[in-house]
Amino acid sequence: AAAQPPTDVPGSDKKSLVTRADIVQILKDADPEGNGLSLR
């Protein structure tokens, strides 16, 4: 859901609500061990 493009915004079909790098950082911050998931 975070990687989906925003709705009702013209020209944003290739963009996502949250960048992949930010998703990775959020997952690292949430993980108690600090690993999270990799970008891949």
All heavy atoms as atom14 arrays in JSON, in Angstrom:
{
  "sequence": "AAAQPPTDVPGSDKKSLVTRADIVQILKDADPEGNGLSLR",
  "atom14_mask": [
    [1, 1, 1, 1, 1, 0, 0, 0, 0, 0, 0, 0, 0, 0],
    [1, 1, 1, 1, 1, 0, 0, 0, 0, 0, 0, 0, 0, 0],
    [1, 1, 1, 1, 1, 0, 0, 0, 0, 0, 0, 0, 0, 0],
    [1, 1, 1, 1, 1, 1, 1, 1, 1, 0, 0, 0, 0, 0],
    [1, 1, 1, 1, 1, 1, 1, 0, 0, 0, 0, 0, 0, 0],
    [1, 1, 1, 1, 1, 1, 1, 0, 0, 0, 0, 0, 0, 0],
    [1, 1, 1, 1, 1, 1, 1, 0, 0, 0, 0, 0, 0, 0],
    [1, 1, 1, 1, 1, 1, 1, 1, 0, 0, 0, 0, 0, 0],
    [1, 1, 1, 1, 1, 1, 1, 0, 0, 0, 0, 0, 0, 0],
    [1, 1, 1, 1, 1, 1, 1, 0, 0, 0, 0, 0, 0, 0],
    [1, 1, 1, 1, 0, 0, 0, 0, 0, 0, 0, 0, 0, 0],
    [1, 1, 1, 1, 1, 1, 0, 0, 0, 0, 0, 0, 0, 0],
    [1, 1, 1, 1, 1, 1, 1, 1, 0, 0, 0, 0, 0, 0],
    [1, 1, 1, 1, 1, 1, 1, 1, 1, 0, 0, 0, 0, 0],
    [1, 1, 1, 1, 1, 1, 1, 1, 1, 0, 0, 0, 0, 0],
    [1, 1, 1, 1, 1, 1, 0, 0, 0, 0, 0, 0, 0, 0],
    [1, 1, 1, 1, 1, 1, 1, 1, 0, 0, 0, 0, 0, 0],
    [1, 1, 1, 1, 1, 1, 1, 0, 0, 0, 0, 0, 0, 0],
    [1, 1, 1, 1, 1, 1, 1, 0, 0, 0, 0, 0, 0, 0],
    [1, 1, 1, 1, 1, 1, 1, 1, 1, 1, 1, 0, 0, 0],
    [1, 1, 1, 1, 1, 0, 0, 0, 0, 0, 0, 0, 0, 0],
    [1, 1, 1, 1, 1, 1, 1, 1, 0, 0, 0, 0, 0, 0],
    [1, 1, 1, 1, 1, 1, 1, 1, 0, 0, 0, 0, 0, 0],
    [1, 1, 1, 1, 1, 1, 1, 0, 0, 0, 0, 0, 0, 0],
    [1, 1, 1, 1, 1, 1, 1, 1, 1, 0, 0, 0, 0, 0],
    [1, 1, 1, 1, 1, 1, 1, 1, 0, 0, 0, 0, 0, 0],
    [1, 1, 1, 1, 1, 1, 1, 1, 0, 0, 0, 0, 0, 0],
    [1, 1, 1, 1, 1, 1, 1, 1, 1, 0, 0, 0, 0, 0],
    [1, 1, 1, 1, 1, 1, 1, 1, 0, 0, 0, 0, 0, 0],
    [1, 1, 1, 1, 1, 0, 0, 0, 0, 0, 0, 0, 0, 0],
    [1, 1, 1, 1, 1, 1, 1, 1, 0, 0, 0, 0, 0, 0],
    [1, 1, 1, 1, 1, 1, 1, 0, 0, 0, 0, 0, 0, 0],
    [1, 1, 1, 1, 1, 1, 1, 1, 1, 0, 0, 0, 0, 0],
    [1, 1, 1, 1, 0, 0, 0, 0, 0, 0, 0, 0, 0, 0],
    [1, 1, 1, 1, 1, 1, 1, 1, 0, 0, 0, 0, 0, 0],
    [1, 1, 1, 1, 0, 0, 0, 0, 0, 0, 0, 0, 0, 0],
    [1, 1, 1, 1, 1, 1, 1, 1, 0, 0, 0, 0, 0, 0],
    [1, 1, 1, 1, 1, 1, 0, 0, 0, 0, 0, 0, 0, 0],
    [1, 1, 1, 1, 1, 1, 1, 1, 0, 0, 0, 0, 0, 0],
    [1, 1, 1, 1, 1, 1, 1, 1, 1, 1, 1, 0, 0, 0]
  ],
  "atom14_positions": [
    [[0.83, -1.21, 0.0], [0.0, 0.0, 0.0], [0.87, 1.26, 0.0], [0.56, 2.24, -0.69], [-0.93, -0.01, 1.21], [0.0, 0.0, 0.0], [0.0, 0.0, 0.0], [0.0, 0.0, 0.0], [0.0, 0.0, 0.0], [0.0, 0.0, 0.0], [0.0, 0.0, 0.0], [0.0, 0.0, 0.0], [0.0, 0.0, 0.0], [0.0, 0.0, 0.0]],
    [[1.97, 1.25, 0.76], [2.85, 2.41, 0.81], [3.57, 2.62, -0.51], [3.93, 3.74, -0.87], [3.85, 2.26, 1.93], [0.0, 0.0, 0.0], [0.0, 0.0, 0.0], [0.0, 0.0, 0.0], [0.0, 0.0, 0.0], [0.0, 0.0, 0.0], [0.0, 0.0, 0.0], [0.0, 0.0, 0.0], [0.0, 0.0, 0.0], [0.0, 0.0, 0.0]],
    [[3.77, 1.56, -1.27], [4.49, 1.65, -2.53], [3.58, 1.99, -3.71], [4.08, 2.21, -4.82], [5.21, 0.34, -2.81], [0.0, 0.0, 0.0], [0.0, 0.0, 0.0], [0.0, 0.0, 0.0], [0.0, 0.0, 0.0], [0.0, 0.0, 0.0], [0.0, 0.0, 0.0], [0.0, 0.0, 0.0], [0.0, 0.0, 0.0], [0.0, 0.0, 0.0]],
    [[2.29, 2.06, -3.48], [1.35, 2.38, -4.56], [1.4, 3.86, -4.89], [1.72, 4.69, -4.04], [-0.07, 1.98, -4.17], [-0.24, 0.5, -3.96], [0.14, -0.29, -5.2], [-0.28, 0.02, -6.3], [0.95, -1.32, -5.0], [0.0, 0.0, 0.0], [0.0, 0.0, 0.0], [0.0, 0.0, 0.0], [0.0, 0.0, 0.0], [0.0, 0.0, 0.0]],
    [[1.05, 4.24, -6.13], [1.03, 5.66, -6.48], [-0.14, 6.35, -5.8], [-1.16, 5.72, -5.49], [0.86, 5.65, -7.99], [0.32, 4.32, -8.33], [0.77, 3.38, -7.27], [0.0, 0.0, 0.0], [0.0, 0.0, 0.0], [0.0, 0.0, 0.0], [0.0, 0.0, 0.0], [0.0, 0.0, 0.0], [0.0, 0.0, 0.0], [0.0, 0.0, 0.0]],
    [[-0.01, 7.65, -5.56], [-1.12, 8.38, -4.95], [-2.3, 8.46, -5.92], [-2.13, 8.46, -7.14], [-0.54, 9.78, -4.68], [0.69, 9.87, -5.49], [1.15, 8.49, -5.78], [0.0, 0.0, 0.0], [0.0, 0.0, 0.0], [0.0, 0.0, 0.0], [0.0, 0.0, 0.0], [0.0, 0.0, 0.0], [0.0, 0.0, 0.0], [0.0, 0.0, 0.0]],
    [[-3.48, 8.49, -5.37], [-4.67, 8.57, -6.21], [-5.03, 10.02, -6.47], [-4.72, 10.91, -5.68], [-5.86, 7.86, -5.54], [-6.08, 8.46, -4.26], [-5.58, 6.39, -5.36], [0.0, 0.0, 0.0], [0.0, 0.0, 0.0], [0.0, 0.0, 0.0], [0.0, 0.0, 0.0], [0.0, 0.0, 0.0], [0.0, 0.0, 0.0], [0.0, 0.0, 0.0]],
    [[-5.66, 10.27, -7.59], [-6.15, 11.6, -7.97], [-5.05, 12.65, -8.1], [-5.29, 13.84, -7.89], [-7.21, 12.1, -6.99], [-8.39, 11.14, -6.89], [-8.69, 10.48, -7.91], [-8.99, 11.06, -5.81], [0.0, 0.0, 0.0], [0.0, 0.0, 0.0], [0.0, 0.0, 0.0], [0.0, 0.0, 0.0], [0.0, 0.0, 0.0], [0.0, 0.0, 0.0]],
    [[-3.84, 12.23, -8.41], [-2.75, 13.17, -8.64], [-2.26, 12.91, -10.07], [-1.7, 11.85, -10.34], [-1.6, 12.98, -7.63], [-0.47, 13.95, -7.93], [-2.1, 13.15, -6.21], [0.0, 0.0, 0.0], [0.0, 0.0, 0.0], [0.0, 0.0, 0.0], [0.0, 0.0, 0.0], [0.0, 0.0, 0.0], [0.0, 0.0, 0.0], [0.0, 0.0, 0.0]],
    [[-2.49, 13.85, -10.98], [-2.1, 13.61, -12.37], [-0.58, 13.48, -12.52], [0.19, 14.18, -11.88], [-2.61, 14.85, -13.11], [-2.93, 15.86, -12.07], [-3.1, 15.16, -10.78], [0.0, 0.0, 0.0], [0.0, 0.0, 0.0], [0.0, 0.0, 0.0], [0.0, 0.0, 0.0], [0.0, 0.0, 0.0], [0.0, 0.0, 0.0], [0.0, 0.0, 0.0]],
    [[-0.17, 12.53, -13.36], [1.24, 12.34, -13.67], [2.01, 11.61, -12.59], [3.24, 11.6, -12.62], [0.0, 0.0, 0.0], [0.0, 0.0, 0.0], [0.0, 0.0, 0.0], [0.0, 0.0, 0.0], [0.0, 0.0, 0.0], [0.0, 0.0, 0.0], [0.0, 0.0, 0.0], [0.0, 0.0, 0.0], [0.0, 0.0, 0.0], [0.0, 0.0, 0.0]],
    [[1.33, 11.01, -11.63], [2.05, 10.35, -10.55], [1.95, 8.83, -10.63], [2.17, 8.15, -9.65], [1.52, 10.82, -9.2], [0.17, 10.4, -9.06], [0.0, 0.0, 0.0], [0.0, 0.0, 0.0], [0.0, 0.0, 0.0], [0.0, 0.0, 0.0], [0.0, 0.0, 0.0], [0.0, 0.0, 0.0], [0.0, 0.0, 0.0], [0.0, 0.0, 0.0]],
    [[1.65, 8.34, -11.82], [1.48, 6.89, -11.95], [2.77, 6.11, -11.75], [2.74, 4.93, -11.48], [0.85, 6.54, -13.31], [1.68, 7.05, -14.47], [2.44, 8.01, -14.28], [1.55, 6.48, -15.57], [0.0, 0.0, 0.0], [0.0, 0.0, 0.0], [0.0, 0.0, 0.0], [0.0, 0.0, 0.0], [0.0, 0.0, 0.0], [0.0, 0.0, 0.0]],
    [[3.91, 6.76, -11.86], [5.19, 6.08, -11.64], [5.77, 6.37, -10.26], [6.84, 5.92, -9.92], [6.22, 6.51, -12.7], [5.81, 6.21, -14.1], [6.0, 4.75, -14.39], [5.71, 4.52, -15.87], [5.48, 3.16, -16.19], [0.0, 0.0, 0.0], [0.0, 0.0, 0.0], [0.0, 0.0, 0.0], [0.0, 0.0, 0.0], [0.0, 0.0, 0.0]],
    [[5.08, 7.17, -9.47], [5.56, 7.54, -8.14], [4.88, 6.68, -7.09], [3.85, 6.07, -7.34], [5.26, 9.02, -7.85], [5.83, 9.98, -8.85], [7.31, 10.07, -8.71], [7.88, 11.09, -9.71], [9.28, 11.18, -9.67], [0.0, 0.0, 0.0], [0.0, 0.0, 0.0], [0.0, 0.0, 0.0], [0.0, 0.0, 0.0], [0.0, 0.0, 0.0]],
    [[5.44, 6.65, -5.9], [4.8, 5.92, -4.82], [4.55, 6.87, -3.66], [5.16, 7.93, -3.56], [5.68, 4.76, -4.36], [6.91, 5.21, -3.87], [0.0, 0.0, 0.0], [0.0, 0.0, 0.0], [0.0, 0.0, 0.0], [0.0, 0.0, 0.0], [0.0, 0.0, 0.0], [0.0, 0.0, 0.0], [0.0, 0.0, 0.0], [0.0, 0.0, 0.0]],
    [[3.62, 6.47, -2.79], [3.31, 7.3, -1.64], [4.54, 7.47, -0.75], [4.81, 8.56, -0.25], [2.17, 6.68, -0.83], [0.8, 6.7, -1.5], [-0.17, 5.83, -0.73], [0.29, 8.13, -1.59], [0.0, 0.0, 0.0], [0.0, 0.0, 0.0], [0.0, 0.0, 0.0], [0.0, 0.0, 0.0], [0.0, 0.0, 0.0], [0.0, 0.0, 0.0]],
    [[5.26, 6.4, -0.53], [6.48, 6.41, 0.29], [7.59, 5.82, -0.55], [7.41, 4.78, -1.18], [6.27, 5.58, 1.58], [7.49, 5.63, 2.46], [5.04, 6.04, 2.35], [0.0, 0.0, 0.0], [0.0, 0.0, 0.0], [0.0, 0.0, 0.0], [0.0, 0.0, 0.0], [0.0, 0.0, 0.0], [0.0, 0.0, 0.0], [0.0, 0.0, 0.0]],
    [[8.74, 6.48, -0.57], [9.84, 5.96, -1.39], [10.32, 4.64, -0.82], [10.14, 4.34, 0.36], [11.03, 6.94, -1.42], [11.57, 7.04, -0.1], [10.61, 8.3, -1.93], [0.0, 0.0, 0.0], [0.0, 0.0, 0.0], [0.0, 0.0, 0.0], [0.0, 0.0, 0.0], [0.0, 0.0, 0.0], [0.0, 0.0, 0.0], [0.0, 0.0, 0.0]],
    [[10.92, 3.83, -1.68], [11.43, 2.52, -1.24], [12.47, 2.69, -0.14], [12.5, 1.93, 0.82], [12.05, 1.75, -2.41], [11.16, 1.52, -3.61], [9.99, 0.62, -3.3], [9.36, 0.1, -4.49], [8.33, 0.66, -5.11], [7.85, 1.79, -4.67], [7.79, 0.08, -6.17], [0.0, 0.0, 0.0], [0.0, 0.0, 0.0], [0.0, 0.0, 0.0]],
    [[13.32, 3.71, -0.27], [14.35, 3.95, 0.74], [13.72, 4.31, 2.08], [14.19, 3.86, 3.14], [15.29, 5.06, 0.29], [0.0, 0.0, 0.0], [0.0, 0.0, 0.0], [0.0, 0.0, 0.0], [0.0, 0.0, 0.0], [0.0, 0.0, 0.0], [0.0, 0.0, 0.0], [0.0, 0.0, 0.0], [0.0, 0.0, 0.0], [0.0, 0.0, 0.0]],
    [[12.65, 5.1, 2.06], [11.96, 5.44, 3.31], [11.27, 4.21, 3.91], [11.24, 4.04, 5.13], [10.93, 6.55, 3.09], [11.58, 7.91, 2.86], [12.78, 8.06, 3.2], [10.9, 8.81, 2.35], [0.0, 0.0, 0.0], [0.0, 0.0, 0.0], [0.0, 0.0, 0.0], [0.0, 0.0, 0.0], [0.0, 0.0, 0.0], [0.0, 0.0, 0.0]],
    [[10.73, 3.34, 3.06], [10.12, 2.1, 3.56], [11.18, 1.27, 4.27], [10.95, 0.76, 5.38], [9.48, 1.3, 2.4], [8.27, 2.04, 1.84], [9.09, -0.09, 2.87], [7.68, 1.42, 0.59], [0.0, 0.0, 0.0], [0.0, 0.0, 0.0], [0.0, 0.0, 0.0], [0.0, 0.0, 0.0], [0.0, 0.0, 0.0], [0.0, 0.0, 0.0]],
    [[12.36, 1.15, 3.67], [13.45, 0.39, 4.28], [13.84, 1.0, 5.62], [14.02, 0.29, 6.62], [14.67, 0.32, 3.33], [15.89, -0.23, 4.04], [14.34, -0.51, 2.12], [0.0, 0.0, 0.0], [0.0, 0.0, 0.0], [0.0, 0.0, 0.0], [0.0, 0.0, 0.0], [0.0, 0.0, 0.0], [0.0, 0.0, 0.0], [0.0, 0.0, 0.0]],
    [[13.95, 2.32, 5.68], [14.34, 2.99, 6.93], [13.27, 2.81, 8.0], [13.59, 2.57, 9.17], [14.59, 4.48, 6.68], [15.21, 5.17, 7.87], [16.54, 4.55, 8.29], [17.4, 4.28, 7.46], [16.7, 4.3, 9.58], [0.0, 0.0, 0.0], [0.0, 0.0, 0.0], [0.0, 0.0, 0.0], [0.0, 0.0, 0.0], [0.0, 0.0, 0.0]],
    [[12.01, 2.91, 7.64], [10.92, 2.71, 8.61], [10.97, 1.29, 9.17], [10.8, 1.08, 10.38], [9.55, 3.0, 7.95], [9.42, 4.5, 7.67], [8.39, 2.5, 8.8], [8.27, 4.87, 6.77], [0.0, 0.0, 0.0], [0.0, 0.0, 0.0], [0.0, 0.0, 0.0], [0.0, 0.0, 0.0], [0.0, 0.0, 0.0], [0.0, 0.0, 0.0]],
    [[11.21, 0.31, 8.31], [11.29, -1.07, 8.76], [12.51, -1.3, 9.65], [12.42, -2.04, 10.64], [11.32, -2.02, 7.56], [10.05, -2.05, 6.72], [10.25, -2.88, 5.47], [8.88, -2.56, 7.53], [0.0, 0.0, 0.0], [0.0, 0.0, 0.0], [0.0, 0.0, 0.0], [0.0, 0.0, 0.0], [0.0, 0.0, 0.0], [0.0, 0.0, 0.0]],
    [[13.63, -0.65, 9.35], [14.81, -0.77, 10.21], [14.55, -0.15, 11.58], [14.96, -0.69, 12.6], [16.02, -0.09, 9.56], [16.67, -0.91, 8.5], [17.91, -0.22, 7.96], [18.53, -1.06, 6.87], [19.73, -0.43, 6.32], [0.0, 0.0, 0.0], [0.0, 0.0, 0.0], [0.0, 0.0, 0.0], [0.0, 0.0, 0.0], [0.0, 0.0, 0.0]],
    [[13.87, 1.0, 11.59], [13.57, 1.66, 12.85], [12.6, 0.84, 13.7], [12.68, 0.85, 14.93], [12.98, 3.05, 12.6], [13.99, 4.0, 11.98], [15.21, 3.71, 12.05], [13.57, 5.03, 11.43], [0.0, 0.0, 0.0], [0.0, 0.0, 0.0], [0.0, 0.0, 0.0], [0.0, 0.0, 0.0], [0.0, 0.0, 0.0], [0.0, 0.0, 0.0]],
    [[11.68, 0.13, 13.06], [10.7, -0.67, 13.79], [11.27, -1.98, 14.31], [10.76, -2.53, 15.28], [9.5, -0.95, 12.89], [0.0, 0.0, 0.0], [0.0, 0.0, 0.0], [0.0, 0.0, 0.0], [0.0, 0.0, 0.0], [0.0, 0.0, 0.0], [0.0, 0.0, 0.0], [0.0, 0.0, 0.0], [0.0, 0.0, 0.0], [0.0, 0.0, 0.0]],
    [[12.32, -2.48, 13.68], [12.91, -3.75, 14.08], [13.76, -3.56, 15.33], [14.66, -2.73, 15.35], [13.77, -4.3, 12.94], [14.34, -5.68, 13.22], [14.0, -6.26, 14.27], [15.11, -6.18, 12.39], [0.0, 0.0, 0.0], [0.0, 0.0, 0.0], [0.0, 0.0, 0.0], [0.0, 0.0, 0.0], [0.0, 0.0, 0.0], [0.0, 0.0, 0.0]],
    [[13.5, -4.33, 16.4], [14.3, -4.18, 17.62], [15.79, -4.46, 17.39], [16.63, -3.88, 18.07], [13.71, -5.22, 18.59], [12.36, -5.53, 18.08], [12.41, -5.3, 16.6], [0.0, 0.0, 0.0], [0.0, 0.0, 0.0], [0.0, 0.0, 0.0], [0.0, 0.0, 0.0], [0.0, 0.0, 0.0], [0.0, 0.0, 0.0], [0.0, 0.0, 0.0]],
    [[16.1, -5.33, 16.45], [17.51, -5.62, 16.15], [18.1, -4.62, 15.17], [19.3, -4.63, 14.92], [17.64, -7.03, 15.58], [17.27, -8.11, 16.58], [17.36, -9.49, 15.99], [17.75, -9.64, 14.81], [17.01, -10.43, 16.72], [0.0, 0.0, 0.0], [0.0, 0.0, 0.0], [0.0, 0.0, 0.0], [0.0, 0.0, 0.0], [0.0, 0.0, 0.0]],
    [[17.27, -3.78, 14.57], [17.75, -2.76, 13.66], [18.04, -3.24, 12.25], [18.65, -2.53, 11.47], [0.0, 0.0, 0.0], [0.0, 0.0, 0.0], [0.0, 0.0, 0.0], [0.0, 0.0, 0.0], [0.0, 0.0, 0.0], [0.0, 0.0, 0.0], [0.0, 0.0, 0.0], [0.0, 0.0, 0.0], [0.0, 0.0, 0.0], [0.0, 0.0, 0.0]],
    [[17.61, -4.46, 11.92], [17.89, -5.0, 10.59], [16.82, -4.62, 9.58], [17.12, -4.19, 8.48], [18.01, -6.53, 10.63], [19.17, -6.97, 11.48], [20.15, -6.26, 11.62], [19.05, -8.12, 12.1], [0.0, 0.0, 0.0], [0.0, 0.0, 0.0], [0.0, 0.0, 0.0], [0.0, 0.0, 0.0], [0.0, 0.0, 0.0], [0.0, 0.0, 0.0]],
    [[15.57, -4.8, 9.92], [14.49, -4.51, 8.98], [14.58, -5.39, 7.76], [15.04, -6.53, 7.82], [0.0, 0.0, 0.0], [0.0, 0.0, 0.0], [0.0, 0.0, 0.0], [0.0, 0.0, 0.0], [0.0, 0.0, 0.0], [0.0, 0.0, 0.0], [0.0, 0.0, 0.0], [0.0, 0.0, 0.0], [0.0, 0.0, 0.0], [0.0, 0.0, 0.0]],
    [[14.1, -4.88, 6.65], [14.19, -5.58, 5.37], [15.11, -4.78, 4.46], [15.17, -3.57, 4.55], [12.82, -5.71, 4.71], [11.82, -6.64, 5.37], [10.49, -6.59, 4.63], [12.33, -8.06, 5.42], [0.0, 0.0, 0.0], [0.0, 0.0, 0.0], [0.0, 0.0, 0.0], [0.0, 0.0, 0.0], [0.0, 0.0, 0.0], [0.0, 0.0, 0.0]],
    [[15.79, -5.48, 3.58], [16.66, -4.8, 2.62], [15.8, -4.18, 1.51], [14.62, -4.52, 1.35], [17.66, -5.78, 2.01], [16.97, -6.73, 1.23], [0.0, 0.0, 0.0], [0.0, 0.0, 0.0], [0.0, 0.0, 0.0], [0.0, 0.0, 0.0], [0.0, 0.0, 0.0], [0.0, 0.0, 0.0], [0.0, 0.0, 0.0], [0.0, 0.0, 0.0]],
    [[16.4, -3.31, 0.74], [15.71, -2.71, -0.39], [15.27, -3.79, -1.37], [14.15, -3.75, -1.89], [16.62, -1.69, -1.1], [16.04, -1.03, -2.35], [14.78, -0.26, -2.01], [17.07, -0.13, -2.98], [0.0, 0.0, 0.0], [0.0, 0.0, 0.0], [0.0, 0.0, 0.0], [0.0, 0.0, 0.0], [0.0, 0.0, 0.0], [0.0, 0.0, 0.0]],
    [[16.12, -4.76, -1.58], [15.78, -5.86, -2.5], [14.57, -6.64, -1.99], [13.71, -7.03, -2.78], [17.0, -6.78, -2.64], [16.75, -7.99, -3.49], [16.63, -7.6, -4.96], [16.37, -8.79, -5.73], [15.27, -8.98, -6.45], [14.35, -8.05, -6.5], [15.09, -10.08, -7.12], [0.0, 0.0, 0.0], [0.0, 0.0, 0.0], [0.0, 0.0, 0.0]]
  ]
}
